[in-house]
């Protein structure tokens, strides 16, 4: 079976990997580059039980287990390791006081207080997201999958308009038995051809510091204030490769139609750097190796879209994973492979994520517009 996967992020590549394991021949079609957006720029944090009590519980628990097993199945090193995770408060104007927990985290400023352990090495972990995506693509390629660079310009239906027969990429028609829309927040572009619920982009900024071996393997979720008094929620994830990823300063900036044009908001990274200097003398002294921004895909109800697109045979979608895209990619890929090849997913229940639960916009429908939004064929939206 030939499956055309539109999007070369971690979700699309995970689907390609699990399809390839079962003998299908997926083609991943990517406009800009493998893991060029949030899949290469996010923190790569994994949690076993943080989605418990929500519709994501089974997906997250299955995916956390798959992340561990994939370290034995795939070649390469993508920085998988278990972490202890803490919450804390700190920043400008706080008085020094003893830490309640996390006494081994000695690389923080004295005014940062770790007040709760959120996870242990049994329940929290991390990967380098870009390296993980690349490793899965290499493994899928070894089993017959293909990565093709190009812009998807149309999804092509058969003469009866009921069945997918291929996609148009840079003027060329690529035939296929099924199409999967997995373009993150850019999945909304596919509403020109298919009835899809709206997907929006949530922008975040991040810095990567070269910290060497000076930081312990502890992930931090902090509440802090900038020197101006503005509250922020920075996250700090030291990595196994001697770097540390820190995010903060979110915004509602418009999503550019071209992923290559995503850029940090003016002044956002300077503010984040100053905040990092308040939180840790090690970060204050360390060289910044990457300055970046990315958009995470979010839906109207906060749950991903995973499943068959109503009314079109052979059309599927997998997007809208928000902050849990790296965590939930393996289980999404596994379940989507089952759905496409067998007609139903057996590893996890996908019914909470059925795209038909939300109103669709698409051909012959009026698309609800929520700012910022501009013409889909150019500009920001």
Protein backbone atom coordinates (compact mmCIF):
# COMPACT_ATOMS: atom_id res chain seq x y z
CA UNK A 1 0.00 0.00 0.00
CA UNK A 2 1.31 3.44 -0.95
CA UNK A 3 0.57 6.10 1.66
CA UNK A 4 1.40 9.75 1.00
CA UNK A 5 2.19 11.61 4.22
CA UNK A 6 2.12 15.39 3.94
CA UNK A 7 4.51 16.73 6.56
CA UNK A 8 8.02 15.79 7.63
CA UNK A 9 7.69 16.49 11.33
CA UNK A 10 7.78 13.93 14.11
CA UNK A 11 4.11 12.91 13.65
CA UNK A 12 4.38 12.27 9.92
CA UNK A 13 7.69 10.45 10.28
CA UNK A 14 6.34 8.27 13.11
CA UNK A 15 3.43 7.24 10.89
CA UNK A 16 5.88 6.42 8.10
CA UNK A 17 8.00 4.32 10.46
CA UNK A 18 5.14 2.19 11.75
CA UNK A 19 3.65 1.79 8.26
CA UNK A 20 7.05 0.66 6.97
CA UNK A 21 7.37 -1.91 9.74
CA UNK A 22 4.23 -3.53 8.39
CA UNK A 23 5.31 -3.58 4.76
CA UNK A 24 3.59 -0.46 3.44
CA UNK A 25 5.45 2.01 1.21
CA UNK A 26 4.96 5.50 2.64
CA UNK A 27 6.25 8.66 1.00
CA UNK A 28 6.85 11.58 3.36
CA UNK A 29 6.42 14.85 1.48
CA UNK A 30 7.98 17.87 3.17
CA UNK A 31 8.16 21.44 1.87
CA UNK A 32 11.08 22.84 3.89
CA UNK A 33 13.09 20.11 5.63
CA UNK A 34 12.84 17.20 8.03
CA UNK A 35 11.87 18.38 11.55
CA UNK A 36 12.22 21.98 10.40
CA UNK A 37 9.54 23.37 12.72
CA UNK A 38 8.46 22.43 16.26
CA UNK A 39 9.69 18.84 15.78
CA UNK A 40 13.25 20.12 15.68
CA UNK A 41 12.95 23.12 17.98
CA UNK A 42 10.92 21.86 20.94
CA UNK A 43 12.19 20.59 24.27
CA UNK A 44 11.61 16.87 23.74
CA UNK A 45 10.17 16.36 27.24
CA UNK A 46 8.35 13.05 27.91
CA UNK A 47 5.97 12.23 30.77
CA UNK A 48 4.27 8.96 31.61
CA UNK A 49 1.33 10.17 33.68
CA UNK A 50 0.90 13.91 33.18
CA UNK A 51 -2.09 13.32 30.90
CA UNK A 52 -3.81 10.92 33.32
CA UNK A 53 -7.47 11.68 33.82
CA UNK A 54 -7.79 13.23 30.35
CA UNK A 55 -8.62 11.70 26.96
CA UNK A 56 -4.86 11.66 26.27
CA UNK A 57 -4.08 9.21 29.07
CA UNK A 58 -3.88 5.96 27.07
CA UNK A 59 -2.11 7.63 24.14
CA UNK A 60 0.52 9.19 26.41
CA UNK A 61 1.17 6.05 28.46
CA UNK A 62 1.50 3.89 25.34
CA UNK A 63 3.79 6.45 23.74
CA UNK A 64 6.02 6.79 26.80
CA UNK A 65 6.58 3.02 26.69
CA UNK A 66 7.27 3.10 22.95
CA UNK A 67 9.90 5.81 23.40
CA UNK A 68 11.78 3.47 25.76
CA UNK A 69 11.50 0.47 23.44
CA UNK A 70 12.59 2.44 20.37
CA UNK A 71 16.01 2.96 21.94
CA UNK A 72 16.59 -0.76 21.31
CA UNK A 73 14.97 -0.83 17.87
CA UNK A 74 16.51 2.18 16.14
CA UNK A 75 20.15 2.87 15.39
CA UNK A 76 21.73 6.09 16.54
CA UNK A 77 21.71 8.32 19.59
CA UNK A 78 18.99 10.95 20.04
CA UNK A 79 19.69 11.81 23.66
CA UNK A 80 17.04 9.62 25.28
CA UNK A 81 17.44 9.56 29.04
CA UNK A 82 15.34 9.53 32.19
CA UNK A 83 15.02 12.70 34.28
CA UNK A 84 13.89 13.93 37.65
CA UNK A 85 11.52 16.86 37.21
CA UNK A 86 10.77 19.74 39.58
CA UNK A 87 8.58 22.80 39.77
CA UNK A 88 9.81 26.01 41.33
CA UNK A 89 9.55 29.77 41.65
CA UNK A 90 12.11 32.49 41.27
CA UNK A 91 13.23 35.55 39.39
CA UNK A 92 13.66 39.22 40.06
CA UNK A 93 12.97 40.44 43.57
CA UNK A 94 12.64 37.12 45.41
CA UNK A 95 14.31 36.70 48.78
CA UNK A 96 16.71 33.80 49.29
CA UNK A 97 15.46 30.86 51.30
CA UNK A 98 16.27 27.13 51.51
CA UNK A 99 14.98 24.88 48.78
CA UNK A 100 12.26 22.48 49.87
CA UNK A 101 13.22 19.83 47.31
CA UNK A 102 15.86 19.28 44.65
CA UNK A 103 18.84 20.00 46.85
CA UNK A 104 21.13 18.37 44.27
CA UNK A 105 20.18 21.01 41.69
CA UNK A 106 23.01 23.33 42.67
CA UNK A 107 23.26 25.29 39.42
CA UNK A 108 20.35 27.63 40.16
CA UNK A 109 20.43 31.11 41.62
CA UNK A 110 19.82 31.43 45.34
CA UNK A 111 16.44 33.10 44.80
CA UNK A 112 15.05 30.11 42.88
CA UNK A 113 13.08 27.77 45.14
CA UNK A 114 12.22 24.26 43.99
CA UNK A 115 9.00 23.46 45.80
CA UNK A 116 7.75 20.18 44.34
CA UNK A 117 9.01 17.06 42.61
CA UNK A 118 6.81 16.55 39.55
CA UNK A 119 8.38 13.36 38.22
CA UNK A 120 11.05 10.75 38.82
CA UNK A 121 13.26 8.77 36.47
CA UNK A 122 10.40 6.27 36.32
CA UNK A 123 7.91 8.81 35.00
CA UNK A 124 9.76 11.56 33.10
CA UNK A 125 12.37 11.46 30.33
CA UNK A 126 13.60 13.37 27.30
CA UNK A 127 14.82 13.07 23.73
CA UNK A 128 16.49 15.47 21.33
CA UNK A 129 13.44 15.92 19.07
CA UNK A 130 15.21 16.65 15.79
CA UNK A 131 17.62 13.74 16.21
CA UNK A 132 14.75 11.44 17.19
CA UNK A 133 12.76 12.41 14.08
CA UNK A 134 15.81 11.85 11.87
CA UNK A 135 16.48 8.43 13.41
CA UNK A 136 12.92 7.30 12.74
CA UNK A 137 13.11 8.53 9.15
CA UNK A 138 16.37 6.65 8.59
CA UNK A 139 14.80 3.49 9.98
CA UNK A 140 11.69 3.93 7.85
CA UNK A 141 13.87 4.54 4.80
CA UNK A 142 15.75 1.32 5.40
CA UNK A 143 12.40 -0.47 5.21
CA UNK A 144 11.34 1.19 1.96
CA UNK A 145 9.90 4.57 2.97
CA UNK A 146 10.83 7.65 0.97
CA UNK A 147 11.37 11.30 1.89
CA UNK A 148 10.56 13.72 -0.92
CA UNK A 149 11.10 17.48 -0.66
CA UNK A 150 8.44 19.56 -2.35
CA UNK A 151 5.31 21.63 -1.76
CA UNK A 152 1.96 19.87 -1.74
CA UNK A 153 -0.23 21.95 -4.05
CA UNK A 154 -3.37 19.81 -4.15
CA UNK A 155 -4.94 16.60 -2.91
CA UNK A 156 -6.38 14.76 -5.89
CA UNK A 157 -9.65 12.83 -5.79
CA UNK A 158 -10.97 10.29 -8.26
CA UNK A 159 -13.69 10.95 -10.83
CA UNK A 160 -16.42 10.33 -8.25
CA UNK A 161 -14.85 12.84 -5.82
CA UNK A 162 -15.22 10.26 -3.04
CA UNK A 163 -11.76 8.67 -3.01
CA UNK A 164 -8.20 9.97 -2.75
CA UNK A 165 -5.94 8.96 -5.65
CA UNK A 166 -2.86 11.13 -5.03
CA UNK A 167 -1.38 14.57 -4.45
CA UNK A 168 0.18 17.21 -6.62
CA UNK A 169 3.71 18.20 -5.59
CA UNK A 170 5.50 21.01 -7.42
CA UNK A 171 3.35 20.38 -10.48
CA UNK A 172 3.86 16.61 -10.46
CA UNK A 173 1.13 14.10 -9.61
CA UNK A 174 2.14 11.43 -7.10
CA UNK A 175 -0.35 8.58 -6.99
CA UNK A 176 -1.25 6.90 -3.72
CA UNK A 177 -3.83 4.76 -1.97
CA UNK A 178 -4.14 7.10 1.01
CA UNK A 179 -3.11 10.58 2.10
CA UNK A 180 -2.29 11.71 5.64
CA UNK A 181 -2.29 15.42 6.53
CA UNK A 182 0.37 15.83 9.23
CA UNK A 183 1.64 19.37 8.67
CA UNK A 184 1.33 20.71 12.21
CA UNK A 185 -0.31 24.15 12.25
CA UNK A 186 0.12 24.28 8.47
CA UNK A 187 -2.44 21.46 8.22
CA UNK A 188 -5.00 24.23 7.92
CA UNK A 189 -3.74 24.80 4.39
CA UNK A 190 -5.23 21.43 3.48
CA UNK A 191 -8.73 22.79 4.16
CA UNK A 192 -8.56 24.05 0.58
CA UNK A 193 -8.96 20.43 -0.52
CA UNK A 194 -10.43 18.50 2.41
CA UNK A 195 -13.05 19.15 5.12
CA UNK A 196 -10.81 19.67 8.14
CA UNK A 197 -11.39 21.31 11.52
CA UNK A 198 -9.36 24.43 12.14
CA UNK A 199 -5.79 24.08 13.43
CA UNK A 200 -3.99 27.11 14.84
CA UNK A 201 -0.39 27.88 15.73
CA UNK A 202 0.79 28.78 19.25
CA UNK A 203 4.18 30.51 19.14
CA UNK A 204 6.97 29.95 21.62
CA UNK A 205 10.60 31.06 21.84
CA UNK A 206 13.60 29.06 23.00
CA UNK A 207 17.34 29.25 23.54
CA UNK A 208 19.89 26.44 23.55
CA UNK A 209 22.97 26.97 25.76
CA UNK A 210 26.31 25.13 25.63
CA UNK A 211 26.57 24.15 29.28
CA UNK A 212 28.88 21.12 29.15
CA UNK A 213 28.64 18.87 32.21
CA UNK A 214 27.70 21.63 34.66
CA UNK A 215 23.97 20.84 34.80
CA UNK A 216 22.39 17.80 36.42
CA UNK A 217 19.78 15.70 34.61
CA UNK A 218 16.85 17.56 36.12
CA UNK A 219 14.02 19.17 34.17
CA UNK A 220 12.53 22.35 35.64
CA UNK A 221 9.12 23.98 35.23
CA UNK A 222 9.39 27.39 36.85
CA UNK A 223 7.28 30.42 37.62
CA UNK A 224 9.41 33.56 37.46
CA UNK A 225 9.25 37.29 36.89
CA UNK A 226 11.27 39.37 34.52
CA UNK A 227 13.00 42.49 35.81
CA UNK A 228 9.95 44.43 34.56
CA UNK A 229 7.72 42.35 36.86
CA UNK A 230 6.02 40.46 34.04
CA UNK A 231 5.26 36.83 34.95
CA UNK A 232 6.68 34.02 32.80
CA UNK A 233 6.75 30.22 32.96
CA UNK A 234 10.20 29.16 31.71
CA UNK A 235 11.06 25.50 31.23
CA UNK A 236 14.67 24.31 31.50
CA UNK A 237 15.75 20.95 30.07
CA UNK A 238 19.46 20.02 30.28
CA UNK A 239 20.33 17.53 27.54
CA UNK A 240 22.67 14.59 27.36
CA UNK A 241 24.79 16.29 24.67
CA UNK A 242 26.00 19.02 27.02
CA UNK A 243 23.44 21.63 26.03
CA UNK A 244 20.42 23.06 27.84
CA UNK A 245 17.15 24.03 26.17
CA UNK A 246 15.10 26.83 27.73
CA UNK A 247 11.74 28.11 26.51
CA UNK A 248 9.54 31.06 27.44
CA UNK A 249 7.94 34.24 26.08
CA UNK A 250 4.90 32.99 24.18
CA UNK A 251 2.93 35.16 21.77
CA UNK A 252 -0.03 35.28 19.40
CA UNK A 253 2.05 36.25 16.38
CA UNK A 254 0.61 35.24 13.00
CA UNK A 255 1.74 32.01 11.40
CA UNK A 256 3.58 32.56 8.10
CA UNK A 257 2.39 30.38 5.24
CA UNK A 258 6.00 29.38 4.54
CA UNK A 259 7.56 27.47 7.51
CA UNK A 260 10.99 28.76 6.52
CA UNK A 261 9.86 32.29 7.41
CA UNK A 262 9.18 31.61 11.09
CA UNK A 263 11.27 34.08 13.08
CA UNK A 264 11.47 35.19 16.73
CA UNK A 265 9.43 38.21 17.79
CA UNK A 266 11.54 41.36 18.18
CA UNK A 267 13.07 41.46 21.66
CA UNK A 268 11.63 38.12 22.78
CA UNK A 269 14.90 36.19 22.87
CA UNK A 270 16.72 39.06 24.60
CA UNK A 271 14.08 38.99 27.32
CA UNK A 272 14.38 35.23 27.64
CA UNK A 273 18.17 35.44 27.86
CA UNK A 274 17.94 38.03 30.63
CA UNK A 275 15.49 35.82 32.52
CA UNK A 276 17.83 32.83 32.17
CA UNK A 277 20.63 34.90 33.65
CA UNK A 278 18.48 35.60 36.71
CA UNK A 279 17.62 31.90 37.13
CA UNK A 280 21.09 30.37 36.86
CA UNK A 281 24.67 31.65 36.96
CA UNK A 282 25.63 28.74 34.69
CA UNK A 283 23.17 29.89 32.05
CA UNK A 284 24.33 33.47 32.51
CA UNK A 285 27.91 32.44 31.68
CA UNK A 286 27.18 29.90 28.92
CA UNK A 287 27.36 30.52 25.19
CA UNK A 288 24.07 30.48 23.29
CA UNK A 289 24.28 28.08 20.35
CA UNK A 290 20.70 28.37 19.04
CA UNK A 291 18.13 31.17 19.07
CA UNK A 292 14.75 30.12 17.69
CA UNK A 293 10.98 30.21 17.63
CA UNK A 294 8.36 27.69 16.57
CA UNK A 295 4.60 27.21 16.37
CA UNK A 296 2.86 24.28 18.04
CA UNK A 297 -0.42 23.07 16.47
CA UNK A 298 -3.53 23.46 18.61
CA UNK A 299 -7.20 22.74 18.00
CA UNK A 300 -10.43 24.29 19.24
CA UNK A 301 -10.81 21.82 22.14
CA UNK A 302 -7.11 21.24 22.81
CA UNK A 303 -7.11 17.61 21.67
CA UNK A 304 -5.31 16.34 18.58
CA UNK A 305 -7.00 15.35 15.33
CA UNK A 306 -6.13 11.70 14.69
CA UNK A 307 -8.22 9.65 12.30
CA UNK A 308 -10.05 9.41 9.01
CA UNK A 309 -11.46 12.54 7.42
CA UNK A 310 -15.20 12.21 7.11
CA UNK A 311 -16.65 11.69 3.65
CA UNK A 312 -13.40 11.10 1.77
CA UNK A 313 -12.11 7.55 1.35
CA UNK A 314 -8.37 7.29 1.92
CA UNK A 315 -8.00 10.71 3.59
CA UNK A 316 -6.57 10.92 7.12
CA UNK A 317 -5.24 13.59 9.48
CA UNK A 318 -2.82 13.55 12.42
CA UNK A 319 -2.07 16.95 13.93
CA UNK A 320 -2.97 19.31 16.77
CA UNK A 321 -0.83 17.63 19.45
CA UNK A 322 0.11 20.99 21.03
CA UNK A 323 2.91 20.64 23.62
CA UNK A 324 2.73 16.83 23.58
CA UNK A 325 3.76 16.22 19.97
CA UNK A 326 7.13 14.63 20.70
CA UNK A 327 5.73 12.53 23.54
CA UNK A 328 2.72 11.23 21.62
CA UNK A 329 4.29 10.76 18.20
CA UNK A 330 5.15 7.03 18.52
CA UNK A 331 1.69 5.96 19.72
CA UNK A 332 0.07 8.20 17.10
CA UNK A 333 2.21 6.59 14.39
CA UNK A 334 1.45 3.09 15.60
CA UNK A 335 -2.31 3.69 15.84
CA UNK A 336 -2.49 5.46 12.48
CA UNK A 337 -0.69 2.58 10.79
CA UNK A 338 -3.26 0.20 12.27
CA UNK A 339 -6.14 2.42 11.18
CA UNK A 340 -4.88 2.79 7.62
CA UNK A 341 -3.92 -0.83 7.08
CA UNK A 342 -6.58 -2.60 9.14
CA UNK A 343 -9.46 -0.13 9.28
CA UNK A 344 -9.22 0.32 13.06
CA UNK A 345 -6.61 1.09 15.71
CA UNK A 346 -6.11 -1.58 18.36
CA UNK A 347 -3.17 -0.22 20.38
CA UNK A 348 -5.07 2.85 21.66
CA UNK A 349 -8.62 4.16 21.39
CA UNK A 350 -8.64 6.97 18.83
CA UNK A 351 -12.30 7.90 19.24
CA UNK A 352 -11.59 10.97 21.45
CA UNK A 353 -9.46 12.37 18.63
CA UNK A 354 -11.85 11.71 15.73
CA UNK A 355 -11.66 14.81 13.50
CA UNK A 356 -15.43 14.57 12.97
CA UNK A 357 -16.03 15.80 16.53
CA UNK A 358 -15.28 19.40 15.49
CA UNK A 359 -16.85 21.54 12.76
CA UNK A 360 -14.95 21.30 9.52
CA UNK A 361 -13.93 23.98 7.08
CA UNK A 362 -13.01 23.06 3.54
CA UNK A 363 -14.24 22.95 -0.02
CA UNK A 364 -17.75 24.41 -0.34
CA UNK A 365 -17.77 25.40 3.33
CA UNK A 366 -17.20 28.76 4.97
CA UNK A 367 -14.02 28.64 7.06
CA UNK A 368 -14.36 30.34 10.47
CA UNK A 369 -11.71 33.03 10.66
CA UNK A 370 -10.06 33.97 13.90
CA UNK A 371 -7.32 36.61 13.91
CA UNK A 372 -4.57 36.62 12.93
CA UNK A 373 -5.55 35.24 9.53
CA UNK A 374 -4.77 36.32 5.98
CA UNK A 375 -5.09 34.82 2.54
CA UNK A 376 -3.95 31.18 2.50
CA UNK A 377 -2.01 31.74 -0.70
CA UNK A 378 0.30 34.33 0.75
CA UNK A 379 1.17 36.37 3.82
CA UNK A 380 0.48 35.45 7.42
CA UNK A 381 -2.58 33.79 8.93
